[in-house]
N, C-alpha and C. Protein backbone atom coordinates (compact mmCIF):
# COMPACT_ATOMS: atom_id res chain seq x y z
N UNK A 1 313.04 11.06 40.55
CA UNK A 1 312.59 11.56 41.67
C UNK A 1 311.24 12.09 41.76
N UNK A 2 311.21 12.96 40.68
CA UNK A 2 309.80 13.69 40.41
C UNK A 2 308.67 12.57 40.13
N UNK A 3 308.98 11.60 39.34
CA UNK A 3 307.96 10.63 39.00
C UNK A 3 307.76 9.77 40.37
N UNK A 4 308.48 9.54 41.32
CA UNK A 4 308.19 8.83 42.43
C UNK A 4 307.20 9.75 43.32
N UNK A 5 307.60 11.13 43.32
CA UNK A 5 306.71 11.88 44.11
C UNK A 5 305.43 12.02 43.51
N UNK A 6 305.26 12.13 42.19
CA UNK A 6 303.96 12.03 41.52
C UNK A 6 303.30 10.78 41.71
N UNK A 7 304.14 9.70 41.80
CA UNK A 7 303.40 8.44 42.03
C UNK A 7 302.67 8.44 43.45
N UNK A 8 303.65 8.73 44.39
CA UNK A 8 303.18 8.77 45.83
C UNK A 8 301.82 9.76 46.05
N UNK A 9 301.82 10.95 45.43
CA UNK A 9 300.80 11.76 45.54
C UNK A 9 299.59 11.12 44.98
N UNK A 10 299.69 10.38 43.77
CA UNK A 10 298.60 9.70 43.09
C UNK A 10 298.06 8.60 44.01
N UNK A 11 298.92 7.93 44.67
CA UNK A 11 298.40 6.85 45.64
C UNK A 11 297.78 7.46 46.90
N UNK A 12 298.25 8.58 47.41
CA UNK A 12 297.64 9.25 48.67
C UNK A 12 296.27 9.76 48.24
N UNK A 13 296.20 10.36 47.00
CA UNK A 13 294.93 10.93 46.49
C UNK A 13 293.94 9.88 46.31
N UNK A 14 294.36 8.66 45.91
CA UNK A 14 293.33 7.66 45.54
C UNK A 14 292.97 7.16 46.85
N UNK A 15 293.84 7.10 47.88
CA UNK A 15 293.36 6.52 49.12
C UNK A 15 292.36 7.32 49.84
N UNK A 16 292.65 8.85 49.57
CA UNK A 16 291.74 9.78 50.43
C UNK A 16 290.36 9.77 49.47
N UNK A 17 290.40 9.69 48.17
CA UNK A 17 289.04 9.56 47.45
C UNK A 17 288.41 8.51 47.86
N UNK A 18 288.93 7.21 47.90
CA UNK A 18 288.32 5.96 48.33
C UNK A 18 287.68 6.03 49.81
N UNK A 19 288.53 6.63 50.64
CA UNK A 19 287.95 6.82 52.02
C UNK A 19 286.84 7.74 52.06
N UNK A 20 286.87 8.95 51.40
CA UNK A 20 285.73 9.77 51.33
C UNK A 20 284.64 9.02 50.69
N UNK A 21 284.72 8.23 49.60
CA UNK A 21 283.64 7.57 48.97
C UNK A 21 282.96 6.58 50.11
N UNK A 22 283.85 5.85 50.72
CA UNK A 22 283.30 5.05 51.64
C UNK A 22 282.47 5.60 52.88
N UNK A 23 283.09 6.91 53.21
CA UNK A 23 282.46 7.46 54.17
C UNK A 23 280.98 8.10 53.79
N UNK A 24 281.15 8.58 52.58
CA UNK A 24 279.79 9.14 51.96
C UNK A 24 278.75 8.12 51.69
N UNK A 25 279.18 6.92 51.42
CA UNK A 25 278.22 5.77 51.11
C UNK A 25 277.67 5.27 52.40
N UNK A 26 278.52 5.19 53.43
CA UNK A 26 278.10 4.71 54.80
C UNK A 26 277.04 5.81 55.30
N UNK A 27 277.40 7.09 55.44
CA UNK A 27 276.50 8.09 55.67
C UNK A 27 275.18 8.03 55.12
N UNK A 28 275.20 7.89 53.71
CA UNK A 28 273.96 7.71 53.08
C UNK A 28 273.06 6.53 53.41
N UNK A 29 273.81 5.44 53.56
CA UNK A 29 273.03 4.32 54.23
C UNK A 29 272.57 4.44 55.52
N UNK A 30 273.29 5.11 56.44
CA UNK A 30 272.85 5.48 57.75
C UNK A 30 271.55 6.36 57.75
N UNK A 31 271.62 7.35 56.80
CA UNK A 31 270.42 8.32 56.65
C UNK A 31 269.21 7.49 56.15
N UNK A 32 269.31 6.59 55.41
CA UNK A 32 268.18 5.65 54.91
C UNK A 32 267.71 4.78 56.01
N UNK A 33 268.64 4.29 56.72
CA UNK A 33 268.24 3.47 57.82
C UNK A 33 267.47 4.25 58.83
N UNK A 34 267.95 5.34 59.04
CA UNK A 34 267.08 6.33 60.14
C UNK A 34 265.83 6.76 59.62
N UNK A 35 265.71 7.06 58.40
CA UNK A 35 264.51 7.52 57.81
C UNK A 35 263.45 6.30 58.00
N UNK A 36 264.01 5.05 57.55
CA UNK A 36 263.11 3.74 57.75
C UNK A 36 262.66 3.60 59.10
N UNK A 37 263.65 3.95 60.10
CA UNK A 37 263.48 3.62 61.55
C UNK A 37 262.29 4.72 61.96
N UNK A 38 262.43 5.77 61.58
CA UNK A 38 261.53 6.81 61.90
C UNK A 38 260.11 6.49 61.43
N UNK A 39 259.99 6.01 60.23
CA UNK A 39 258.71 5.86 59.53
C UNK A 39 257.95 4.60 60.36
N UNK A 40 258.79 3.59 60.62
CA UNK A 40 258.12 2.43 61.18
C UNK A 40 257.84 2.76 62.78
N UNK A 41 258.81 3.50 63.33
CA UNK A 41 258.53 3.72 64.92
C UNK A 41 257.46 4.74 65.14
N UNK A 42 257.56 5.85 64.28
CA UNK A 42 256.41 6.80 64.54
C UNK A 42 254.96 6.34 64.27
N UNK A 43 254.95 5.36 63.37
CA UNK A 43 253.75 4.68 63.01
C UNK A 43 253.13 3.68 64.01
N UNK A 44 254.24 3.04 64.69
CA UNK A 44 253.94 2.07 65.86
C UNK A 44 253.52 2.94 67.15
N UNK A 45 254.15 4.14 67.39
CA UNK A 45 253.90 4.99 68.45
C UNK A 45 252.52 5.60 68.31
N UNK A 46 252.17 6.02 67.14
CA UNK A 46 250.78 6.51 66.78
C UNK A 46 249.69 5.51 66.99
N UNK A 47 250.00 4.26 66.63
CA UNK A 47 248.99 3.15 66.62
C UNK A 47 248.74 3.07 68.24
N UNK A 48 249.81 2.93 69.01
CA UNK A 48 249.86 2.90 70.48
C UNK A 48 248.97 3.96 70.93
N UNK A 49 249.11 5.17 70.60
CA UNK A 49 248.54 6.34 71.35
C UNK A 49 247.00 6.20 70.99
N UNK A 50 246.65 5.85 69.77
CA UNK A 50 245.14 5.72 69.46
C UNK A 50 244.52 4.66 70.32
N UNK A 51 245.31 3.66 70.54
CA UNK A 51 244.72 2.49 71.57
C UNK A 51 244.55 3.08 72.97
N UNK A 52 245.53 4.03 73.22
CA UNK A 52 245.57 4.69 74.63
C UNK A 52 244.15 5.48 74.70
N UNK A 53 243.72 6.15 73.58
CA UNK A 53 242.47 6.87 73.56
C UNK A 53 241.34 6.02 74.01
N UNK A 54 241.33 4.75 73.34
CA UNK A 54 240.31 3.75 73.82
C UNK A 54 240.25 3.51 75.27
N UNK A 55 241.25 3.22 75.86
CA UNK A 55 241.51 3.00 77.29
C UNK A 55 241.10 4.19 78.07
N UNK A 56 241.29 5.36 77.54
CA UNK A 56 240.91 6.59 78.28
C UNK A 56 239.53 6.90 78.42
N UNK A 57 238.66 6.02 77.65
CA UNK A 57 237.28 6.30 78.02
C UNK A 57 236.61 4.97 78.39
N UNK A 58 237.42 4.08 78.71
CA UNK A 58 236.98 2.69 79.47
C UNK A 58 236.53 3.01 80.90
N UNK A 59 235.21 2.94 81.16
CA UNK A 59 234.74 3.10 82.40
C UNK A 59 234.31 1.80 83.08
N UNK A 60 234.60 0.74 82.35
CA UNK A 60 234.31 -0.60 83.03
C UNK A 60 232.75 -1.07 82.79
N UNK A 61 232.26 -0.27 81.93
CA UNK A 61 230.93 -0.80 81.42
C UNK A 61 230.89 -1.34 80.03
N UNK A 62 230.09 -2.37 79.92
CA UNK A 62 229.90 -2.87 78.40
C UNK A 62 228.53 -2.37 77.92
N UNK A 63 228.45 -1.46 76.91
CA UNK A 63 227.50 -0.86 76.48
C UNK A 63 226.51 -0.42 77.53
N UNK A 64 227.20 0.29 78.53
CA UNK A 64 226.53 0.88 79.61
C UNK A 64 226.02 0.01 80.68
N UNK A 65 226.41 -1.14 80.76
CA UNK A 65 225.98 -2.11 81.59
C UNK A 65 227.16 -2.69 82.39
N UNK A 66 226.83 -3.07 83.78
CA UNK A 66 227.81 -3.77 84.61
C UNK A 66 227.83 -5.17 84.33
N UNK A 67 228.86 -5.83 85.05
CA UNK A 67 228.69 -7.28 84.72
C UNK A 67 227.81 -8.01 85.61
N UNK A 68 227.60 -9.17 85.68
CA UNK A 68 226.63 -9.96 86.10
C UNK A 68 226.55 -9.83 87.65
N UNK A 69 227.57 -9.32 88.23
CA UNK A 69 227.60 -9.17 89.64
C UNK A 69 227.35 -7.67 90.07
N UNK A 70 226.97 -6.85 88.97
CA UNK A 70 226.76 -5.41 89.39
C UNK A 70 227.93 -4.70 89.54
N UNK A 71 229.21 -5.18 89.00
CA UNK A 71 230.48 -4.37 89.02
C UNK A 71 231.09 -4.00 87.83
N UNK A 72 231.86 -2.91 87.90
CA UNK A 72 232.51 -2.53 86.50
C UNK A 72 233.78 -3.46 86.34
N UNK A 73 234.05 -3.79 84.99
CA UNK A 73 235.12 -4.48 84.62
C UNK A 73 235.91 -3.92 83.56
N UNK A 74 237.13 -4.15 83.35
CA UNK A 74 237.92 -3.52 82.33
C UNK A 74 237.36 -4.17 81.00
N UNK A 75 237.14 -3.16 80.12
CA UNK A 75 236.59 -3.74 78.78
C UNK A 75 237.62 -3.51 77.68
N UNK A 76 238.74 -2.67 77.71
CA UNK A 76 239.60 -2.50 76.83
C UNK A 76 241.05 -2.79 77.26
N UNK A 77 241.67 -3.79 76.64
CA UNK A 77 242.99 -4.24 76.92
C UNK A 77 243.84 -3.20 76.65
N UNK A 78 244.97 -3.10 77.56
CA UNK A 78 245.90 -1.87 77.51
C UNK A 78 246.86 -2.05 76.35
N UNK A 79 247.27 -1.15 75.56
CA UNK A 79 248.03 -1.29 74.38
C UNK A 79 249.63 -1.51 74.80
N UNK A 80 250.28 -2.10 73.85
CA UNK A 80 251.70 -2.23 74.13
C UNK A 80 252.45 -1.64 73.03
N UNK A 81 253.78 -1.41 73.39
CA UNK A 81 254.75 -0.86 72.48
C UNK A 81 256.06 -1.51 72.54
N UNK A 82 256.45 -2.42 71.61
CA UNK A 82 257.52 -3.18 71.54
C UNK A 82 258.34 -2.81 70.42
N UNK A 83 259.51 -2.04 70.84
CA UNK A 83 260.40 -1.45 69.68
C UNK A 83 261.30 -2.61 69.10
N UNK A 84 261.56 -3.53 70.14
CA UNK A 84 262.48 -4.79 69.74
C UNK A 84 261.86 -5.35 68.66
N UNK A 85 260.53 -5.50 68.37
CA UNK A 85 259.93 -6.21 67.28
C UNK A 85 259.88 -5.29 65.93
N UNK A 86 260.49 -4.40 65.93
CA UNK A 86 260.49 -3.55 64.56
C UNK A 86 261.53 -3.84 63.63
N UNK A 87 262.61 -4.48 63.95
CA UNK A 87 263.70 -4.74 63.06
C UNK A 87 264.17 -3.61 62.41
N UNK A 88 264.67 -2.68 63.17
CA UNK A 88 265.33 -1.50 62.63
C UNK A 88 266.69 -1.30 62.97
N UNK A 89 267.40 -0.42 62.52
CA UNK A 89 268.76 -0.18 63.02
C UNK A 89 268.82 1.03 63.97
N UNK A 90 268.81 0.64 65.33
CA UNK A 90 268.66 1.68 66.13
C UNK A 90 270.01 2.65 66.28
N UNK A 91 271.06 2.13 65.91
CA UNK A 91 272.19 2.85 65.99
C UNK A 91 272.26 4.02 65.02
N UNK A 92 271.27 4.16 64.07
CA UNK A 92 271.21 5.24 63.09
C UNK A 92 270.53 6.37 63.70
N UNK A 93 270.01 6.38 65.02
CA UNK A 93 269.39 7.40 65.73
C UNK A 93 270.63 8.16 66.48
N UNK A 94 270.36 9.42 66.93
CA UNK A 94 271.26 10.03 67.96
C UNK A 94 271.06 9.31 69.14
N UNK A 95 272.01 9.36 70.03
CA UNK A 95 271.75 8.58 71.46
C UNK A 95 270.78 8.92 72.14
N UNK A 96 270.52 10.40 72.39
CA UNK A 96 269.41 10.67 73.13
C UNK A 96 268.10 10.34 72.68
N UNK A 97 267.92 10.34 71.34
CA UNK A 97 266.61 9.91 70.73
C UNK A 97 266.43 8.45 70.79
N UNK A 98 267.37 7.58 70.63
CA UNK A 98 267.29 6.29 70.74
C UNK A 98 266.92 5.88 72.08
N UNK A 99 267.47 6.63 73.10
CA UNK A 99 267.20 6.16 74.49
C UNK A 99 265.76 6.32 74.90
N UNK A 100 265.12 7.60 74.24
CA UNK A 100 263.77 7.97 74.53
C UNK A 100 262.86 6.80 74.08
N UNK A 101 263.26 6.36 72.87
CA UNK A 101 262.36 5.36 72.08
C UNK A 101 262.40 4.06 73.00
N UNK A 102 263.65 3.73 73.02
CA UNK A 102 263.90 2.32 73.75
C UNK A 102 263.47 2.42 75.23
N UNK A 103 263.49 3.47 75.98
CA UNK A 103 263.08 3.57 77.36
C UNK A 103 261.35 3.67 77.45
N UNK A 104 260.83 3.94 76.36
CA UNK A 104 259.33 4.12 76.40
C UNK A 104 258.64 2.89 77.00
N UNK A 105 258.95 1.68 76.69
CA UNK A 105 258.32 0.50 77.38
C UNK A 105 258.37 0.61 78.70
N UNK A 106 259.55 1.14 79.39
CA UNK A 106 259.55 1.15 80.89
C UNK A 106 258.57 2.26 81.33
N UNK A 107 258.38 3.16 80.60
CA UNK A 107 257.43 4.31 81.09
C UNK A 107 256.02 3.63 81.05
N UNK A 108 255.74 2.97 80.15
CA UNK A 108 254.50 2.20 79.94
C UNK A 108 254.20 1.19 81.26
N UNK A 109 255.48 0.49 81.42
CA UNK A 109 255.25 -0.52 82.57
C UNK A 109 255.09 0.39 83.86
N UNK A 110 255.81 1.54 84.03
CA UNK A 110 255.49 2.15 85.31
C UNK A 110 254.04 2.79 85.42
N UNK A 111 253.57 3.04 84.11
CA UNK A 111 252.23 3.54 84.39
C UNK A 111 251.19 2.31 84.70
N UNK A 112 251.49 1.17 84.10
CA UNK A 112 250.57 0.07 84.31
C UNK A 112 250.76 -0.29 85.88
N UNK A 113 251.87 -0.10 86.66
CA UNK A 113 252.00 -0.52 87.93
C UNK A 113 251.23 0.48 88.78
N UNK A 114 251.28 1.79 88.40
CA UNK A 114 250.60 2.79 88.97
C UNK A 114 248.84 2.43 88.97
N UNK A 115 248.34 2.14 87.91
CA UNK A 115 247.14 1.61 87.53
C UNK A 115 246.67 0.60 88.63
N UNK A 116 247.74 -0.49 88.64
CA UNK A 116 247.37 -1.67 89.39
C UNK A 116 247.27 -1.32 90.93
N UNK A 117 248.17 -0.38 91.28
CA UNK A 117 247.98 0.10 92.73
C UNK A 117 246.66 0.88 93.02
N UNK A 118 246.35 1.64 91.91
CA UNK A 118 245.03 2.43 92.24
C UNK A 118 243.84 1.38 92.30
N UNK A 119 243.80 0.25 91.56
CA UNK A 119 242.71 -0.74 91.60
C UNK A 119 242.94 -1.47 92.94
N UNK A 120 243.89 -1.49 93.42
CA UNK A 120 244.11 -2.39 94.68
C UNK A 120 243.53 -1.48 95.89
N UNK A 121 243.60 -0.17 95.76
CA UNK A 121 243.16 0.60 96.81
C UNK A 121 241.67 1.13 96.62
N UNK A 122 241.12 0.56 95.56
CA UNK A 122 239.62 1.08 95.15
C UNK A 122 238.84 -0.15 95.37
N UNK A 123 237.52 -0.09 95.51
CA UNK A 123 236.66 -1.06 95.82
C UNK A 123 235.34 -1.21 95.00
N UNK A 124 234.71 -2.18 95.07
CA UNK A 124 233.40 -2.59 94.21
C UNK A 124 232.30 -1.56 94.60
N UNK A 125 231.25 -1.20 93.91
CA UNK A 125 231.04 -1.93 92.56
C UNK A 125 231.68 -1.22 91.32
N UNK A 126 232.12 0.12 91.54
CA UNK A 126 232.39 0.86 90.36
C UNK A 126 233.94 0.90 90.23
N UNK A 127 234.69 0.57 91.33
CA UNK A 127 236.35 0.55 91.27
C UNK A 127 236.73 2.10 90.70
N UNK A 128 236.00 3.06 91.12
CA UNK A 128 236.24 4.38 90.39
C UNK A 128 237.67 4.92 90.46
N UNK A 129 238.18 4.60 91.61
CA UNK A 129 239.66 5.15 91.74
C UNK A 129 240.47 4.56 90.75
N UNK A 130 240.45 3.22 90.57
CA UNK A 130 241.16 2.51 89.64
C UNK A 130 240.98 2.90 88.19
N UNK A 131 239.63 3.08 87.74
CA UNK A 131 239.33 3.48 86.36
C UNK A 131 239.84 4.93 86.18
N UNK A 132 239.68 5.73 87.13
CA UNK A 132 240.25 7.27 86.74
C UNK A 132 241.71 7.24 86.68
N UNK A 133 242.39 6.54 87.45
CA UNK A 133 243.90 6.52 87.35
C UNK A 133 244.16 5.69 85.94
N UNK A 134 243.41 4.65 85.75
CA UNK A 134 243.68 4.06 84.28
C UNK A 134 243.62 4.87 83.19
N UNK A 135 242.33 5.68 83.19
CA UNK A 135 242.06 6.65 81.98
C UNK A 135 243.09 7.86 81.94
N UNK A 136 243.44 8.31 83.09
CA UNK A 136 244.41 9.50 83.12
C UNK A 136 245.76 8.89 82.70
N UNK A 137 246.26 7.69 83.34
CA UNK A 137 247.48 7.28 82.91
C UNK A 137 247.73 7.07 81.35
N UNK A 138 246.84 6.40 80.79
CA UNK A 138 246.89 6.13 79.41
C UNK A 138 246.66 7.25 78.47
N UNK A 139 245.85 8.36 78.97
CA UNK A 139 245.74 9.39 78.18
C UNK A 139 247.16 10.25 78.08
N UNK A 140 247.77 10.31 79.47
CA UNK A 140 249.31 10.78 79.41
C UNK A 140 250.10 10.00 78.39
N UNK A 141 250.01 8.68 78.45
CA UNK A 141 250.97 7.85 77.65
C UNK A 141 250.63 8.01 76.40
N UNK A 142 249.49 8.30 75.91
CA UNK A 142 249.09 8.48 74.46
C UNK A 142 249.84 9.72 74.01
N UNK A 143 249.63 10.86 74.81
CA UNK A 143 250.14 12.18 74.45
C UNK A 143 251.68 12.09 74.39
N UNK A 144 252.30 11.29 75.32
CA UNK A 144 253.81 11.20 75.30
C UNK A 144 254.07 10.47 74.02
N UNK A 145 253.42 9.36 73.49
CA UNK A 145 253.64 8.67 72.40
C UNK A 145 253.67 9.46 71.19
N UNK A 146 252.83 10.44 71.17
CA UNK A 146 252.65 11.34 69.97
C UNK A 146 253.75 12.36 70.04
N UNK A 147 254.20 12.85 71.25
CA UNK A 147 255.26 13.71 71.49
C UNK A 147 256.55 13.16 70.81
N UNK A 148 256.77 11.78 71.20
CA UNK A 148 257.99 11.08 70.55
C UNK A 148 257.87 10.85 69.31
N UNK A 149 256.77 10.56 68.71
CA UNK A 149 256.71 10.38 67.34
C UNK A 149 256.87 11.48 66.63
N UNK A 150 256.53 12.76 67.01
CA UNK A 150 256.74 14.07 66.54
C UNK A 150 258.26 14.29 66.44
N UNK A 151 259.05 13.94 67.39
CA UNK A 151 260.49 14.07 67.41
C UNK A 151 261.13 13.23 66.27
N UNK A 152 260.69 11.90 66.26
CA UNK A 152 260.99 11.02 65.10
C UNK A 152 260.77 11.59 63.71
N UNK A 153 259.53 12.11 63.72
CA UNK A 153 259.20 12.75 62.33
C UNK A 153 260.18 13.82 61.90
N UNK A 154 260.42 14.70 62.94
CA UNK A 154 261.31 15.84 62.71
C UNK A 154 262.78 15.44 62.45
N UNK A 155 263.21 14.38 63.03
CA UNK A 155 264.60 13.96 62.82
C UNK A 155 264.81 13.68 61.41
N UNK A 156 263.75 12.86 60.81
CA UNK A 156 263.75 12.30 59.50
C UNK A 156 263.25 13.24 58.50
N UNK A 157 263.08 14.48 58.86
CA UNK A 157 262.29 15.44 57.78
C UNK A 157 260.96 14.86 57.40
N UNK A 158 260.19 14.22 58.05
CA UNK A 158 259.11 13.59 57.65
C UNK A 158 257.90 14.63 57.85
N UNK A 159 256.65 14.48 57.28
CA UNK A 159 255.58 15.57 57.50
C UNK A 159 255.20 15.42 58.88
N UNK A 160 254.68 16.44 59.54
CA UNK A 160 254.17 16.38 60.84
C UNK A 160 252.82 15.57 60.90
N UNK A 161 252.47 15.04 62.01
CA UNK A 161 251.26 14.36 62.06
C UNK A 161 249.91 15.20 61.73
N UNK A 162 249.15 14.83 60.95
CA UNK A 162 248.04 15.74 60.52
C UNK A 162 246.74 15.23 60.75
N UNK A 163 246.17 15.63 61.81
CA UNK A 163 244.95 15.03 62.33
C UNK A 163 243.84 15.11 61.18
N UNK A 164 243.85 16.19 60.34
CA UNK A 164 242.80 16.47 59.32
C UNK A 164 242.62 15.14 58.37
N UNK A 165 243.81 14.25 58.38
CA UNK A 165 243.79 13.20 57.38
C UNK A 165 242.77 12.10 58.14
N UNK A 166 242.47 12.28 59.37
CA UNK A 166 241.81 11.22 60.06
C UNK A 166 240.32 11.86 60.26
N UNK A 167 239.52 10.97 60.66
CA UNK A 167 238.00 11.44 61.08
C UNK A 167 237.84 12.04 62.41
N UNK A 168 239.05 12.14 63.10
CA UNK A 168 239.01 12.68 64.56
C UNK A 168 240.53 13.03 64.78
N UNK A 169 240.65 13.81 65.86
CA UNK A 169 241.90 14.31 66.25
C UNK A 169 242.31 13.78 67.65
N UNK A 170 243.01 12.48 67.54
CA UNK A 170 243.34 11.87 69.00
C UNK A 170 244.34 12.66 69.84
N UNK A 171 244.95 13.61 69.39
CA UNK A 171 245.64 14.38 70.42
C UNK A 171 244.79 15.31 71.08
N UNK A 172 243.89 15.91 70.47
CA UNK A 172 242.84 16.85 71.03
C UNK A 172 242.06 15.84 71.99
N UNK A 173 241.68 15.06 71.59
CA UNK A 173 240.78 13.95 72.30
C UNK A 173 241.45 13.59 73.57
N UNK A 174 242.63 13.12 73.62
CA UNK A 174 243.44 12.91 74.81
C UNK A 174 243.66 13.94 75.77
N UNK A 175 243.96 15.10 75.17
CA UNK A 175 243.95 16.32 76.04
C UNK A 175 242.63 16.74 76.62
N UNK A 176 241.49 16.43 75.74
CA UNK A 176 240.13 16.65 76.38
C UNK A 176 239.92 15.78 77.57
N UNK A 177 240.30 14.40 77.40
CA UNK A 177 239.98 13.50 78.37
C UNK A 177 240.72 13.89 79.80
N UNK A 178 241.97 14.42 79.66
CA UNK A 178 242.65 14.75 80.76
C UNK A 178 241.91 15.99 81.51
N UNK A 179 241.44 16.90 80.42
CA UNK A 179 240.52 18.07 81.18
C UNK A 179 239.43 17.70 82.00
N UNK A 180 238.65 16.72 81.32
CA UNK A 180 237.54 16.15 82.12
C UNK A 180 237.88 15.45 83.36
N UNK A 181 238.92 14.63 83.40
CA UNK A 181 239.35 14.02 84.57
C UNK A 181 239.68 14.89 85.63
N UNK A 182 240.47 16.08 85.20
CA UNK A 182 240.87 17.13 86.25
C UNK A 182 239.69 17.73 86.86
N UNK A 183 238.71 18.07 86.04
CA UNK A 183 237.56 18.68 86.22
C UNK A 183 236.73 17.88 87.33
N UNK A 184 236.69 16.67 87.00
CA UNK A 184 235.83 15.68 87.90
C UNK A 184 236.59 15.65 89.36
N UNK A 185 237.88 15.47 89.21
CA UNK A 185 238.69 15.38 90.62
C UNK A 185 238.41 16.77 91.41
N UNK A 186 238.50 17.94 90.67
CA UNK A 186 238.31 19.22 91.44
C UNK A 186 236.87 19.11 92.00
N UNK A 187 235.81 18.73 91.27
CA UNK A 187 234.59 18.87 91.91
C UNK A 187 234.32 17.94 93.08
N UNK A 188 235.00 16.74 93.10
CA UNK A 188 234.86 15.75 94.02
C UNK A 188 235.60 16.36 95.28
N UNK A 189 236.90 17.01 95.11
CA UNK A 189 237.48 17.68 96.25
C UNK A 189 236.72 18.70 96.82
N UNK A 190 236.12 19.42 95.99
CA UNK A 190 235.14 20.69 96.57
C UNK A 190 234.08 20.00 97.24
N UNK A 191 233.53 19.01 96.87
CA UNK A 191 232.35 18.29 97.58
C UNK A 191 232.96 17.70 98.99
N UNK A 192 234.06 17.13 99.00
CA UNK A 192 234.51 16.68 100.19
C UNK A 192 234.90 17.74 101.15
N UNK A 193 235.47 18.89 100.74
CA UNK A 193 235.63 20.06 101.49
C UNK A 193 234.34 20.62 102.13
N UNK A 194 233.38 20.65 101.28
CA UNK A 194 232.22 21.17 101.71
C UNK A 194 231.51 20.30 102.78
N UNK A 195 231.59 18.99 102.53
CA UNK A 195 231.14 17.94 103.68
C UNK A 195 231.76 18.17 104.81
N UNK A 196 233.12 18.31 104.78
CA UNK A 196 233.94 18.46 105.97
C UNK A 196 233.48 19.75 107.01
N UNK A 197 233.32 20.79 106.13
CA UNK A 197 232.82 22.11 106.73
C UNK A 197 231.57 21.87 107.35
N UNK A 198 230.53 21.13 106.79
CA UNK A 198 229.35 20.87 107.44
C UNK A 198 229.51 20.02 108.63
N UNK A 199 230.42 19.02 108.62
CA UNK A 199 230.70 18.23 109.76
C UNK A 199 231.25 19.12 111.06
N UNK A 200 231.78 20.15 110.63
CA UNK A 200 232.49 20.92 111.62
C UNK A 200 231.37 21.90 112.41
N UNK A 201 230.37 22.16 111.68
CA UNK A 201 229.25 23.02 112.26
C UNK A 201 228.41 22.27 113.47
């Protein structure tokens, strides 16, 4: 009887140890997959953000010149972010973070539609409303991309983004562009208000 009990305990203990080993190996594999995902995806987001910085200064001029018709034309193609092409294990991320990353292309698409609407309501030769909306939209998208990259880096215990390793600080640059755009808009609104006051006199 005692031998049977000892045997049964041995079988149960063996099963528990095997299950624990499988769980540990699976957890380790998932952690490695998540780390790889965070490295690949944060790099892709930061490349996207740097290209957003290029769009954020595109005023439609080529080396300070308009096109042959005297109009401003888009010079910098908008960046894209395609998480489906990264070939990573998305299920290794927490659901909320996974959703943020996979939903980011929808945010980019929504911004693109806003820009298109702004261009449709602006006119030649400078299309300033369209270019201002485009610069502002992509500056914001660039900052959103850096913020999402920071979350991925933190999740995988990766080093934070360090602008000192580059010859410029894209985050500060994008914030600066938003400040410039806001100042331009404020000055324009003040001039319009002043013009309306003069008309009322």
